[in-house]
């Protein structure tokens, strides 16, 4: 079990590392194409789109075969997306195909944890998953920025193979070769993931019935007193986190006057905070205490608004680490609780698909709104304040909803309930 868990962690780390490095390589491609600023958030939007469109189908697919095989197939799809950029396909379309692979990958990578581990181990396991995911974001963000930078790209392009014309002549092409290699490494780990022996019943293949089944799963999780709170928190977090990534890039450029390569490092600083928060919550927050972290989300929204007062890089670093730390601290327990309730109420693949649908619908919505704000030339400080107010206000509403649920009956007593 232990070796299988570490293999899953390694596969997840390298796959996510490549995803994040590729995002910033694609952003650099858009910059070199002189695309307007409001196009950049659409890159992540195109990646996220398939999480929503395929939500009704990927859960059943993940439960139809061993999860390691599903993860291997999805990594091959991601490699195909990289190769499309080589073929001069627009980055938005190529990254959308990578998003297709990621949408297939996600129910398998999270679903296998509920098959492999008991409920009481899920917070710690999620601490590892989120911690390594955030580390992959940090390294992927920095790696993506460095790969297209003059120093690293020059080093990569200096390689010359006798009698072989590789056709790799530009910094983005050299960067893509590195990204494809990382995906290949992830695929290698996928082949070593053990079969947990968990077999689900016949998986429906009729699209209409799958959509109906998925709708029932969505309704079931939103009606559950624990499911609705944890799902609301994680849905808000991922929409806010992905939008904040682009806000920090723009803020670093406009307010702190940093280069693109320096700005990507600043985005990585937020992820460092998330990793610290994930490790701390995994260490100190038990599953039964998971709902006690909700006020951290309110504090996160308030602190984000203080970005408008910062003009120094020295102040920006600790501020962004604190923002990330608060986010990581409340995300991991909420994620574990949501996985636990999903596993209790339905199959692993289906519950993760419901989670992905809601979280990525949030990402699509918030990125679209942010892109429209940039398109309307709204002042960046105004955008940051509105973003912080929305985050803090929504988390306060969720806290009030949980308190109202508790007045009806002790929903926390459901934590640890056996699957039914």
Protein backbone atom coordinates (compact mmCIF):
# COMPACT_ATOMS: atom_id res chain seq x y z
CA UNK A 1 0.00 0.00 0.00
CA UNK A 2 2.78 2.42 0.98
CA UNK A 3 4.80 1.86 -2.22
CA UNK A 4 1.65 2.20 -4.32
CA UNK A 5 0.83 5.51 -2.62
CA UNK A 6 4.31 6.92 -3.30
CA UNK A 7 4.09 5.81 -6.93
CA UNK A 8 0.78 7.65 -7.30
CA UNK A 9 2.36 10.75 -5.73
CA UNK A 10 5.30 10.64 -8.16
CA UNK A 11 3.01 10.23 -11.19
CA UNK A 12 0.81 13.09 -10.00
CA UNK A 13 3.80 15.37 -9.33
CA UNK A 14 5.39 15.00 -12.77
CA UNK A 15 2.10 15.23 -14.66
CA UNK A 16 1.11 18.40 -12.80
CA UNK A 17 4.65 19.80 -13.19
CA UNK A 18 4.36 19.47 -16.97
CA UNK A 19 0.83 20.97 -16.99
CA UNK A 20 2.02 24.09 -15.17
CA UNK A 21 5.26 24.51 -17.11
CA UNK A 22 3.29 24.22 -20.35
CA UNK A 23 0.84 26.93 -19.20
CA UNK A 24 3.61 29.51 -18.86
CA UNK A 25 5.28 28.43 -22.09
CA UNK A 26 1.91 28.96 -23.80
CA UNK A 27 1.49 32.36 -22.10
CA UNK A 28 4.90 33.38 -23.48
CA UNK A 29 3.76 32.24 -26.93
CA UNK A 30 0.70 34.51 -26.66
CA UNK A 31 2.95 37.41 -25.60
CA UNK A 32 5.25 36.80 -28.59
CA UNK A 33 2.14 36.77 -30.80
CA UNK A 34 1.28 40.21 -29.32
CA UNK A 35 -2.12 38.97 -28.10
CA UNK A 36 -4.03 41.48 -25.90
CA UNK A 37 -3.90 41.00 -22.10
CA UNK A 38 -7.52 39.80 -21.87
CA UNK A 39 -6.68 36.78 -24.08
CA UNK A 40 -4.22 35.34 -21.52
CA UNK A 41 -6.85 34.21 -18.93
CA UNK A 42 -8.69 32.44 -21.76
CA UNK A 43 -5.74 30.05 -21.98
CA UNK A 44 -6.62 28.56 -18.60
CA UNK A 45 -10.29 28.78 -19.52
CA UNK A 46 -9.71 26.60 -22.60
CA UNK A 47 -7.83 24.08 -20.42
CA UNK A 48 -10.70 23.96 -17.91
CA UNK A 49 -13.53 23.69 -20.44
CA UNK A 50 -13.38 19.89 -20.79
CA UNK A 51 -13.58 19.40 -17.03
CA UNK A 52 -17.10 20.81 -17.30
CA UNK A 53 -18.13 19.35 -20.66
CA UNK A 54 -16.95 15.81 -19.82
CA UNK A 55 -17.96 15.77 -16.16
CA UNK A 56 -20.85 13.36 -16.74
CA UNK A 57 -18.64 10.85 -18.54
CA UNK A 58 -15.13 10.82 -17.02
CA UNK A 59 -16.32 9.41 -13.67
CA UNK A 60 -17.76 6.32 -15.32
CA UNK A 61 -14.64 6.00 -17.49
CA UNK A 62 -12.36 6.21 -14.42
CA UNK A 63 -14.37 3.47 -12.69
CA UNK A 64 -14.41 1.21 -15.76
CA UNK A 65 -10.75 0.11 -15.52
CA UNK A 66 -7.76 0.28 -13.14
CA UNK A 67 -6.99 3.91 -12.26
CA UNK A 68 -3.30 3.60 -13.27
CA UNK A 69 -4.33 2.70 -16.83
CA UNK A 70 -6.69 5.70 -16.97
CA UNK A 71 -3.86 8.00 -15.85
CA UNK A 72 -1.52 6.53 -18.49
CA UNK A 73 -4.03 7.12 -21.31
CA UNK A 74 -4.67 10.70 -20.20
CA UNK A 75 -0.93 11.49 -20.17
CA UNK A 76 -0.72 10.37 -23.80
CA UNK A 77 -3.52 12.84 -24.62
CA UNK A 78 -1.55 15.62 -22.93
CA UNK A 79 1.51 14.78 -25.03
CA UNK A 80 -0.66 15.05 -28.16
CA UNK A 81 -1.65 18.58 -27.04
CA UNK A 82 2.03 19.56 -26.81
CA UNK A 83 2.69 18.19 -30.28
CA UNK A 84 -0.13 20.35 -31.69
CA UNK A 85 1.82 23.46 -30.69
CA UNK A 86 4.76 22.09 -32.72
CA UNK A 87 2.33 21.92 -35.66
CA UNK A 88 1.63 25.69 -35.28
CA UNK A 89 -1.86 25.17 -33.87
CA UNK A 90 -3.01 28.18 -31.79
CA UNK A 91 -1.99 27.79 -28.09
CA UNK A 92 -5.63 28.13 -26.99
CA UNK A 93 -6.64 25.05 -29.02
CA UNK A 94 -3.54 23.01 -28.17
CA UNK A 95 -3.85 23.71 -24.44
CA UNK A 96 -7.54 22.79 -24.64
CA UNK A 97 -6.50 19.26 -25.74
CA UNK A 98 -4.13 19.08 -22.76
CA UNK A 99 -7.12 20.09 -20.63
CA UNK A 100 -9.06 17.20 -22.17
CA UNK A 101 -6.36 14.81 -20.93
CA UNK A 102 -6.32 16.44 -17.50
CA UNK A 103 -10.11 16.11 -17.21
CA UNK A 104 -9.81 12.36 -17.82
CA UNK A 105 -6.85 12.13 -15.41
CA UNK A 106 -8.40 13.85 -12.39
CA UNK A 107 -11.13 11.38 -11.26
CA UNK A 108 -8.54 8.59 -11.41
CA UNK A 109 -5.80 10.37 -9.42
CA UNK A 110 -8.15 11.33 -6.58
CA UNK A 111 -10.47 8.33 -6.79
CA UNK A 112 -7.64 5.86 -6.28
CA UNK A 113 -6.91 7.40 -2.85
CA UNK A 114 -10.34 6.42 -1.53
CA UNK A 115 -9.78 2.88 -2.87
CA UNK A 116 -6.31 2.57 -1.37
CA UNK A 117 -6.70 4.27 2.03
CA UNK A 118 -9.16 4.21 4.98
CA UNK A 119 -11.21 7.37 5.75
CA UNK A 120 -9.03 8.45 8.69
CA UNK A 121 -5.96 8.59 6.41
CA UNK A 122 -7.56 10.83 3.78
CA UNK A 123 -6.62 14.20 5.35
CA UNK A 124 -2.96 13.17 5.57
CA UNK A 125 -3.08 11.70 2.04
CA UNK A 126 -4.66 14.89 0.71
CA UNK A 127 -1.96 16.86 2.49
CA UNK A 128 0.58 14.91 0.45
CA UNK A 129 -1.40 15.25 -2.78
CA UNK A 130 -2.06 18.97 -2.40
CA UNK A 131 1.44 19.60 -1.06
CA UNK A 132 3.05 17.86 -4.03
CA UNK A 133 0.56 19.45 -6.44
CA UNK A 134 1.48 22.87 -5.10
CA UNK A 135 5.19 22.03 -5.29
CA UNK A 136 4.60 21.06 -8.92
CA UNK A 137 2.88 24.43 -9.43
CA UNK A 138 5.86 26.22 -7.87
CA UNK A 139 8.46 24.34 -9.89
CA UNK A 140 6.26 24.27 -13.00
CA UNK A 141 5.67 28.02 -12.85
CA UNK A 142 9.36 28.79 -12.38
CA UNK A 143 10.39 26.13 -14.91
CA UNK A 144 7.98 27.48 -17.54
CA UNK A 145 9.34 31.01 -17.08
CA UNK A 146 12.96 29.83 -17.17
CA UNK A 147 12.48 27.57 -20.21
CA UNK A 148 11.46 30.52 -22.38
CA UNK A 149 14.06 32.83 -20.81
CA UNK A 150 17.15 33.71 -22.82
CA UNK A 151 19.66 31.84 -20.65
CA UNK A 152 17.97 28.41 -20.45
CA UNK A 153 16.52 28.46 -23.98
CA UNK A 154 19.94 29.41 -25.34
CA UNK A 155 21.49 26.47 -23.48
CA UNK A 156 18.84 24.05 -24.82
CA UNK A 157 19.20 25.28 -28.39
CA UNK A 158 22.99 24.93 -28.21
CA UNK A 159 22.71 21.14 -28.27
CA UNK A 160 23.67 19.82 -31.69
CA UNK A 161 23.29 16.19 -32.75
CA UNK A 162 25.66 15.14 -35.59
CA UNK A 163 23.93 14.24 -38.88
CA UNK A 164 20.46 14.86 -37.31
CA UNK A 165 18.32 17.91 -37.99
CA UNK A 166 15.92 17.99 -35.03
CA UNK A 167 13.94 20.96 -36.38
CA UNK A 168 14.07 22.54 -32.89
CA UNK A 169 15.02 26.14 -33.69
CA UNK A 170 13.07 28.40 -31.30
CA UNK A 171 12.88 28.80 -27.47
CA UNK A 172 9.22 27.62 -27.30
CA UNK A 173 10.07 24.46 -29.30
CA UNK A 174 12.99 23.69 -26.99
CA UNK A 175 10.76 24.29 -23.97
CA UNK A 176 8.09 21.96 -25.36
CA UNK A 177 10.66 19.16 -25.72
CA UNK A 178 11.38 19.40 -21.99
CA UNK A 179 7.65 19.40 -21.17
CA UNK A 180 7.02 16.29 -23.32
CA UNK A 181 9.92 14.53 -21.55
CA UNK A 182 8.31 15.27 -18.16
CA UNK A 183 4.97 13.88 -19.38
CA UNK A 184 6.80 10.73 -20.51
CA UNK A 185 8.30 10.38 -17.03
CA UNK A 186 4.83 10.70 -15.49
CA UNK A 187 3.53 8.01 -17.87
CA UNK A 188 6.35 5.71 -16.77
CA UNK A 189 5.21 6.03 -13.14
CA UNK A 190 1.61 5.43 -14.26
CA UNK A 191 2.59 1.98 -15.48
CA UNK A 192 3.85 1.14 -11.97
CA UNK A 193 0.65 2.08 -10.11
CA UNK A 194 -0.82 -1.06 -8.49
CA UNK A 195 -4.30 -2.35 -9.17
CA UNK A 196 -6.24 -1.79 -5.93
CA UNK A 197 -8.61 -4.63 -6.75
CA UNK A 198 -11.58 -2.30 -6.37
CA UNK A 199 -14.16 -3.29 -9.00
CA UNK A 200 -17.34 -1.32 -9.63
CA UNK A 201 -20.51 -2.59 -11.23
CA UNK A 202 -21.29 -2.24 -14.92
CA UNK A 203 -20.61 1.33 -16.05
CA UNK A 204 -23.35 2.96 -18.12
CA UNK A 205 -22.36 3.95 -21.68
CA UNK A 206 -25.54 5.59 -22.91
CA UNK A 207 -24.78 9.38 -22.92
CA UNK A 208 -28.34 10.36 -21.94
CA UNK A 209 -28.37 7.94 -19.01
CA UNK A 210 -24.87 9.05 -17.98
CA UNK A 211 -25.98 12.67 -17.87
CA UNK A 212 -29.04 11.71 -15.83
CA UNK A 213 -26.91 9.65 -13.45
CA UNK A 214 -24.41 12.48 -13.12
CA UNK A 215 -27.20 14.98 -12.39
CA UNK A 216 -28.42 12.71 -9.59
CA UNK A 217 -24.90 12.57 -8.13
CA UNK A 218 -24.60 16.38 -8.26
CA UNK A 219 -27.95 16.80 -6.49
CA UNK A 220 -27.04 14.14 -3.91
CA UNK A 221 -23.78 15.85 -2.95
CA UNK A 222 -25.30 19.35 -2.82
CA UNK A 223 -28.19 18.14 -0.62
CA UNK A 224 -25.88 16.39 1.86
CA UNK A 225 -25.21 18.69 4.85
CA UNK A 226 -21.48 17.95 4.88
CA UNK A 227 -21.13 17.57 1.10
CA UNK A 228 -22.65 20.95 0.30
CA UNK A 229 -20.32 22.86 2.66
CA UNK A 230 -17.11 21.13 1.60
CA UNK A 231 -18.10 21.32 -2.08
CA UNK A 232 -18.92 25.04 -1.79
CA UNK A 233 -15.54 25.77 -0.17
CA UNK A 234 -13.44 23.80 -2.68
CA UNK A 235 -15.47 25.19 -5.60
CA UNK A 236 -14.80 28.75 -4.43
CA UNK A 237 -11.13 28.08 -3.66
CA UNK A 238 -10.18 26.70 -7.07
CA UNK A 239 -12.00 29.44 -8.96
CA UNK A 240 -10.29 32.06 -6.78
CA UNK A 241 -6.86 30.37 -6.90
CA UNK A 242 -6.73 30.14 -10.70
CA UNK A 243 -7.93 33.73 -11.10
CA UNK A 244 -5.44 34.96 -8.49
CA UNK A 245 -2.63 33.36 -10.52
CA UNK A 246 -3.38 35.68 -13.46
CA UNK A 247 -4.07 38.69 -11.20
CA UNK A 248 -0.62 38.29 -9.60
CA UNK A 249 1.02 38.06 -13.05
CA UNK A 250 -0.67 41.30 -14.14
CA UNK A 251 -0.06 43.00 -10.76
CA UNK A 252 3.64 42.08 -10.82
CA UNK A 253 3.96 43.61 -14.29
CA UNK A 254 1.91 46.79 -13.78
CA UNK A 255 2.53 47.67 -10.12
CA UNK A 256 5.88 46.05 -9.28
CA UNK A 257 7.30 46.53 -12.82
CA UNK A 258 8.76 43.02 -13.01
CA UNK A 259 9.73 41.13 -16.16
CA UNK A 260 7.69 38.09 -17.25
CA UNK A 261 10.32 35.69 -15.89
CA UNK A 262 10.33 37.50 -12.51
CA UNK A 263 6.51 37.60 -12.45
CA UNK A 264 6.27 33.82 -12.82
CA UNK A 265 8.53 33.48 -9.77
CA UNK A 266 6.13 35.70 -7.82
CA UNK A 267 3.22 33.43 -8.79
CA UNK A 268 5.28 30.54 -7.45
CA UNK A 269 5.55 32.32 -4.09
CA UNK A 270 1.76 31.99 -3.58
CA UNK A 271 2.10 28.28 -4.23
CA UNK A 272 4.87 28.04 -1.59
CA UNK A 273 2.36 29.39 0.94
CA UNK A 274 -0.28 26.89 -0.17
CA UNK A 275 2.22 24.05 0.27
CA UNK A 276 3.04 25.22 3.81
CA UNK A 277 -0.65 25.52 4.66
CA UNK A 278 -1.36 22.07 3.23
CA UNK A 279 1.41 20.47 5.31
CA UNK A 280 0.31 22.25 8.51
CA UNK A 281 -3.36 21.31 8.13
CA UNK A 282 -2.47 17.70 7.29
CA UNK A 283 -0.38 17.61 10.48
CA UNK A 284 -2.80 19.31 12.89
CA UNK A 285 -6.38 19.09 11.51
CA UNK A 286 -8.23 15.79 11.93
CA UNK A 287 -11.11 14.94 9.58
CA UNK A 288 -13.66 15.56 12.37
CA UNK A 289 -12.23 19.07 12.87
CA UNK A 290 -12.14 19.91 9.17
CA UNK A 291 -15.02 22.41 9.25
CA UNK A 292 -13.23 24.56 11.84
CA UNK A 293 -10.91 25.98 9.14
CA UNK A 294 -13.62 27.90 7.22
CA UNK A 295 -12.75 31.29 8.85
CA UNK A 296 -9.31 31.02 7.21
CA UNK A 297 -11.01 31.63 3.87
CA UNK A 298 -12.55 34.87 5.13
CA UNK A 299 -9.12 36.05 6.31
CA UNK A 300 -7.62 35.14 2.94
CA UNK A 301 -10.09 37.41 1.10
CA UNK A 302 -9.36 40.34 3.44
CA UNK A 303 -5.58 39.98 3.06
CA UNK A 304 -5.83 39.77 -0.76
CA UNK A 305 -7.32 43.29 -0.78
CA UNK A 306 -4.16 44.63 0.91
CA UNK A 307 -2.26 43.90 -2.33
CA UNK A 308 -3.47 47.30 -3.53
CA UNK A 309 -1.32 48.98 -0.82
CA UNK A 310 1.89 47.15 -1.79
CA UNK A 311 4.45 48.63 -4.21
CA UNK A 312 7.58 46.87 -2.95
CA UNK A 313 8.73 43.39 -3.98
CA UNK A 314 10.13 42.82 -0.47
CA UNK A 315 6.63 43.28 1.01
CA UNK A 316 4.92 41.37 -1.83
CA UNK A 317 6.75 38.11 -1.11
CA UNK A 318 5.64 37.60 2.54
CA UNK A 319 2.14 38.88 1.74
CA UNK A 320 1.64 36.35 -1.06
CA UNK A 321 3.10 33.54 1.06
CA UNK A 322 0.53 34.38 3.78
CA UNK A 323 -2.31 34.39 1.23
CA UNK A 324 -1.22 30.99 -0.05
CA UNK A 325 -0.74 29.57 3.47
CA UNK A 326 -4.30 30.45 4.48
CA UNK A 327 -5.63 28.93 1.26
CA UNK A 328 -3.71 25.68 1.68
CA UNK A 329 -4.70 25.40 5.34
CA UNK A 330 -8.44 25.40 4.64
CA UNK A 331 -8.31 23.56 1.30
CA UNK A 332 -6.81 20.23 2.42
CA UNK A 333 -9.35 19.39 5.20
CA UNK A 334 -12.26 20.49 3.00
CA UNK A 335 -10.99 18.39 0.10
CA UNK A 336 -10.59 15.33 2.33
CA UNK A 337 -14.08 15.78 3.79
CA UNK A 338 -15.58 16.12 0.32
CA UNK A 339 -13.83 12.97 -0.89
CA UNK A 340 -15.00 11.10 2.19
CA UNK A 341 -18.65 12.11 1.72
CA UNK A 342 -18.47 11.36 -2.00
CA UNK A 343 -17.07 7.90 -1.31
CA UNK A 344 -19.80 7.27 1.28
CA UNK A 345 -22.65 8.38 -1.00
CA UNK A 346 -21.42 7.18 -4.42
CA UNK A 347 -18.38 5.69 -6.22
CA UNK A 348 -14.95 7.32 -6.11
CA UNK A 349 -14.84 8.25 -9.80
CA UNK A 350 -18.34 9.72 -9.82
CA UNK A 351 -17.78 11.83 -6.69
CA UNK A 352 -14.53 13.29 -8.05
CA UNK A 353 -16.26 14.03 -11.37
CA UNK A 354 -18.96 15.99 -9.50
CA UNK A 355 -16.25 17.85 -7.61
CA UNK A 356 -14.36 18.64 -10.84
CA UNK A 357 -17.53 19.85 -12.56
CA UNK A 358 -18.34 22.36 -9.82
CA UNK A 359 -14.79 23.53 -9.23
CA UNK A 360 -14.00 24.01 -12.90
CA UNK A 361 -17.32 25.71 -13.60
CA UNK A 362 -16.20 28.16 -10.91
CA UNK A 363 -12.82 28.57 -12.65
CA UNK A 364 -14.51 29.16 -16.02
CA UNK A 365 -16.88 31.74 -14.56
CA UNK A 366 -14.30 33.67 -12.53
CA UNK A 367 -11.71 33.71 -15.33
CA UNK A 368 -14.34 34.87 -17.82
CA UNK A 369 -15.39 37.70 -15.48
CA UNK A 370 -11.74 38.67 -14.93
CA UNK A 371 -11.09 38.65 -18.69
CA UNK A 372 -14.13 40.87 -19.26
CA UNK A 373 -12.91 43.28 -16.56
CA UNK A 374 -9.55 43.56 -18.34
CA UNK A 375 -11.34 43.93 -21.69
CA UNK A 376 -13.31 46.84 -20.17
CA UNK A 377 -10.01 48.40 -18.96
CA UNK A 378 -11.09 48.34 -15.32
CA UNK A 379 -8.40 49.56 -12.91
CA UNK A 380 -6.39 46.58 -11.56
CA UNK A 381 -6.68 47.81 -7.94
CA UNK A 382 -10.47 47.87 -8.32
CA UNK A 383 -10.39 44.30 -9.67
CA UNK A 384 -8.27 43.16 -6.70
CA UNK A 385 -10.63 44.76 -4.14
CA UNK A 386 -13.72 43.28 -5.81
CA UNK A 387 -11.99 39.88 -5.91
CA UNK A 388 -11.10 40.02 -2.19
CA UNK A 389 -14.59 41.17 -1.19
CA UNK A 390 -16.18 38.37 -3.18
CA UNK A 391 -13.90 35.75 -1.63
CA UNK A 392 -14.38 36.93 1.97
CA UNK A 393 -18.13 37.50 1.56
CA UNK A 394 -18.78 34.10 -0.01
CA UNK A 395 -16.77 32.29 2.69
CA UNK A 396 -18.76 34.16 5.36
CA UNK A 397 -22.01 33.01 3.71
CA UNK A 398 -20.76 29.39 3.68
CA UNK A 399 -19.86 29.65 7.39
CA UNK A 400 -23.35 30.94 8.20
CA UNK A 401 -24.87 28.10 6.16
CA UNK A 402 -22.87 25.50 8.11
CA UNK A 403 -23.95 27.04 11.41
CA UNK A 404 -27.60 26.89 10.26
CA UNK A 405 -27.13 23.20 9.30
CA UNK A 406 -25.73 22.45 12.75
CA UNK A 407 -28.78 24.00 14.40
CA UNK A 408 -30.95 21.47 12.53
CA UNK A 409 -28.86 18.45 13.60
CA UNK A 410 -25.22 17.54 14.31
CA UNK A 411 -24.00 16.90 10.76
CA UNK A 412 -20.40 16.55 11.98
CA UNK A 413 -21.48 13.24 13.55
CA UNK A 414 -21.75 11.88 9.97
CA UNK A 415 -17.96 12.08 9.52
CA UNK A 416 -16.52 8.57 9.49
CA UNK A 417 -19.83 7.03 8.38
CA UNK A 418 -19.51 3.77 6.46
CA UNK A 419 -20.18 3.64 2.70
CA UNK A 420 -23.85 3.11 1.81
